Protein backbone atom coordinates (compact mmCIF):
# COMPACT_ATOMS: atom_id res chain seq x y z
CA MET A 1 -20.44 8.14 -5.25
CA LYS A 2 -23.51 5.97 -5.68
CA LYS A 3 -25.66 9.05 -6.27
CA GLN A 4 -23.35 10.39 -8.99
CA GLY A 5 -22.84 6.91 -10.44
CA PHE A 6 -19.05 6.73 -10.28
CA GLY A 7 -16.05 7.13 -8.03
CA GLN A 8 -12.94 5.41 -6.78
CA PHE A 9 -11.61 4.36 -3.41
CA ILE A 10 -7.82 4.22 -3.10
CA ASN A 11 -6.63 2.35 -0.02
CA ILE A 12 -2.99 2.11 1.04
CA ALA A 13 -1.73 -1.08 2.69
CA SER A 14 1.81 -2.50 2.45
CA ILE A 15 3.63 -5.57 1.24
CA GLY A 16 2.93 -6.59 4.85
CA ALA A 17 -0.59 -7.39 3.61
CA TYR A 18 0.84 -10.38 1.74
CA SER A 19 3.34 -11.90 4.17
CA VAL A 20 4.14 -11.71 7.86
CA THR A 21 7.67 -10.94 9.01
CA PRO A 22 9.15 -11.58 12.46
CA THR A 23 8.49 -8.74 14.95
CA ALA A 24 5.88 -7.22 12.63
CA ALA A 25 2.85 -9.45 13.20
CA VAL A 26 0.57 -6.68 14.48
CA TYR A 27 1.66 -4.29 11.70
CA CYS A 28 1.05 -7.00 9.09
CA ALA A 29 -2.34 -7.82 10.61
CA THR A 30 -3.47 -4.22 10.14
CA LYS A 31 -2.36 -4.34 6.50
CA TYR A 32 -4.13 -7.67 5.94
CA ALA A 33 -7.23 -5.93 7.34
CA VAL A 34 -6.93 -3.07 4.83
CA ARG A 35 -6.67 -5.67 2.08
CA ALA A 36 -9.77 -7.54 3.30
CA ILE A 37 -11.77 -4.32 3.74
CA SER A 38 -10.80 -3.22 0.22
CA GLU A 39 -11.95 -6.51 -1.30
CA GLY A 40 -15.17 -6.44 0.72
CA LEU A 41 -15.83 -2.86 -0.36
CA ARG A 42 -15.22 -3.78 -4.01
CA LEU A 43 -17.76 -6.60 -3.76
CA GLU A 44 -20.32 -4.48 -1.92
CA VAL A 45 -20.27 -1.27 -3.96
CA GLY A 46 -20.11 -2.93 -7.37
CA GLY A 47 -21.21 -1.09 -10.49
CA ASP A 48 -19.26 1.98 -11.50
CA ILE A 49 -17.39 2.54 -8.23
CA ARG A 50 -13.82 1.31 -8.35
CA VAL A 51 -11.68 0.12 -5.43
CA THR A 52 -7.90 0.02 -5.65
CA LEU A 53 -5.44 -1.25 -3.06
CA ILE A 54 -1.89 0.10 -3.28
CA SER A 55 0.69 -1.94 -1.36
CA PRO A 56 4.07 -0.24 -1.19
CA GLY A 57 7.29 -2.00 -0.38
CA VAL A 58 10.03 -0.21 1.54
CA THR A 59 9.53 3.51 0.97
CA GLU A 60 11.74 6.46 1.88
CA SER A 61 10.60 8.21 5.04
CA GLU A 62 11.83 9.91 8.20
CA LEU A 63 10.58 7.07 10.42
CA ALA A 64 14.07 6.04 11.58
CA ASP A 65 14.75 9.58 12.83
CA SER A 66 11.92 9.27 15.37
CA ILE A 67 13.10 5.98 16.90
CA SER A 68 14.71 6.60 20.28
CA ASP A 69 16.31 3.15 20.69
CA GLU A 70 19.72 3.35 18.99
CA GLU A 71 19.78 -0.32 17.96
CA ALA A 72 16.27 -0.15 16.48
CA ARG A 73 17.08 3.14 14.70
CA LYS A 74 20.16 1.56 13.07
CA GLY A 75 18.10 -1.46 12.06
CA MET A 76 15.42 0.71 10.46
CA LYS A 77 18.00 2.78 8.57
CA GLU A 78 19.58 -0.42 7.25
CA TYR A 79 16.14 -1.79 6.31
CA ARG A 80 15.38 1.39 4.36
CA ARG A 81 18.77 1.41 2.62
CA ILE A 82 16.99 -0.03 -0.43
CA SER A 83 13.79 1.96 -0.83
CA ILE A 84 11.61 3.72 -3.35
CA SER A 85 10.50 7.33 -3.29
CA PRO A 86 7.01 8.40 -2.21
CA ASP A 87 6.70 9.73 -5.77
CA ALA A 88 6.72 6.13 -7.05
CA ILE A 89 3.68 5.41 -4.92
CA ALA A 90 1.95 8.56 -6.15
CA ARG A 91 2.56 7.46 -9.76
CA SER A 92 0.99 4.05 -9.05
CA ILE A 93 -2.10 5.78 -7.65
CA LEU A 94 -2.29 8.01 -10.71
CA TYR A 95 -1.97 4.95 -12.96
CA ALA A 96 -4.99 3.31 -11.31
CA MET A 97 -7.03 6.51 -11.51
CA GLU A 98 -6.23 7.17 -15.18
CA GLN A 99 -7.66 3.87 -16.44
CA PRO A 100 -10.84 3.95 -18.52
CA ALA A 101 -14.10 3.90 -16.57
CA ASP A 102 -14.67 0.23 -17.40
CA VAL A 103 -11.31 -0.83 -15.91
CA ASP A 104 -10.86 -1.39 -12.18
CA VAL A 105 -7.25 -1.94 -11.15
CA ASN A 106 -7.86 -3.83 -7.91
CA GLU A 107 -4.34 -4.23 -6.51
CA ILE A 108 -0.91 -2.79 -7.16
CA ILE A 109 2.22 -3.92 -5.31
CA VAL A 110 5.10 -1.47 -5.70
CA ARG A 111 8.54 -2.63 -4.56
CA PRO A 112 12.09 -1.37 -4.99
CA THR A 113 13.69 -3.26 -7.88
CA ALA A 114 16.50 -4.46 -5.60
CA SER A 115 14.10 -5.66 -2.88
CA PRO A 116 14.78 -9.25 -1.81
CA ASN A 117 11.16 -9.76 -0.67
């Protein structure tokens, strides 16, 4: 990217990069790390290389289907009752990429409209 004089990093974190929830401290720590690495990268590469962090809220996925503990599976399905589609995340990435070369969208948080947090 430096050689060609332009480029863009897109990193995916989570709303967990902004607040810690009970039972999710390690998960949130990894997302905080992605956020810190993204900001460090933005400061280090400078110039015409853009760095964007996308932080999705609850997103539709098959995660609950792979949980073997019945109680945990029910909890995850309830948690994902209000969720956004992966397509919404893809559109946010496209938004960041489509900006003019002199615009660097640093962070986007994408949540379901009905999300309480």
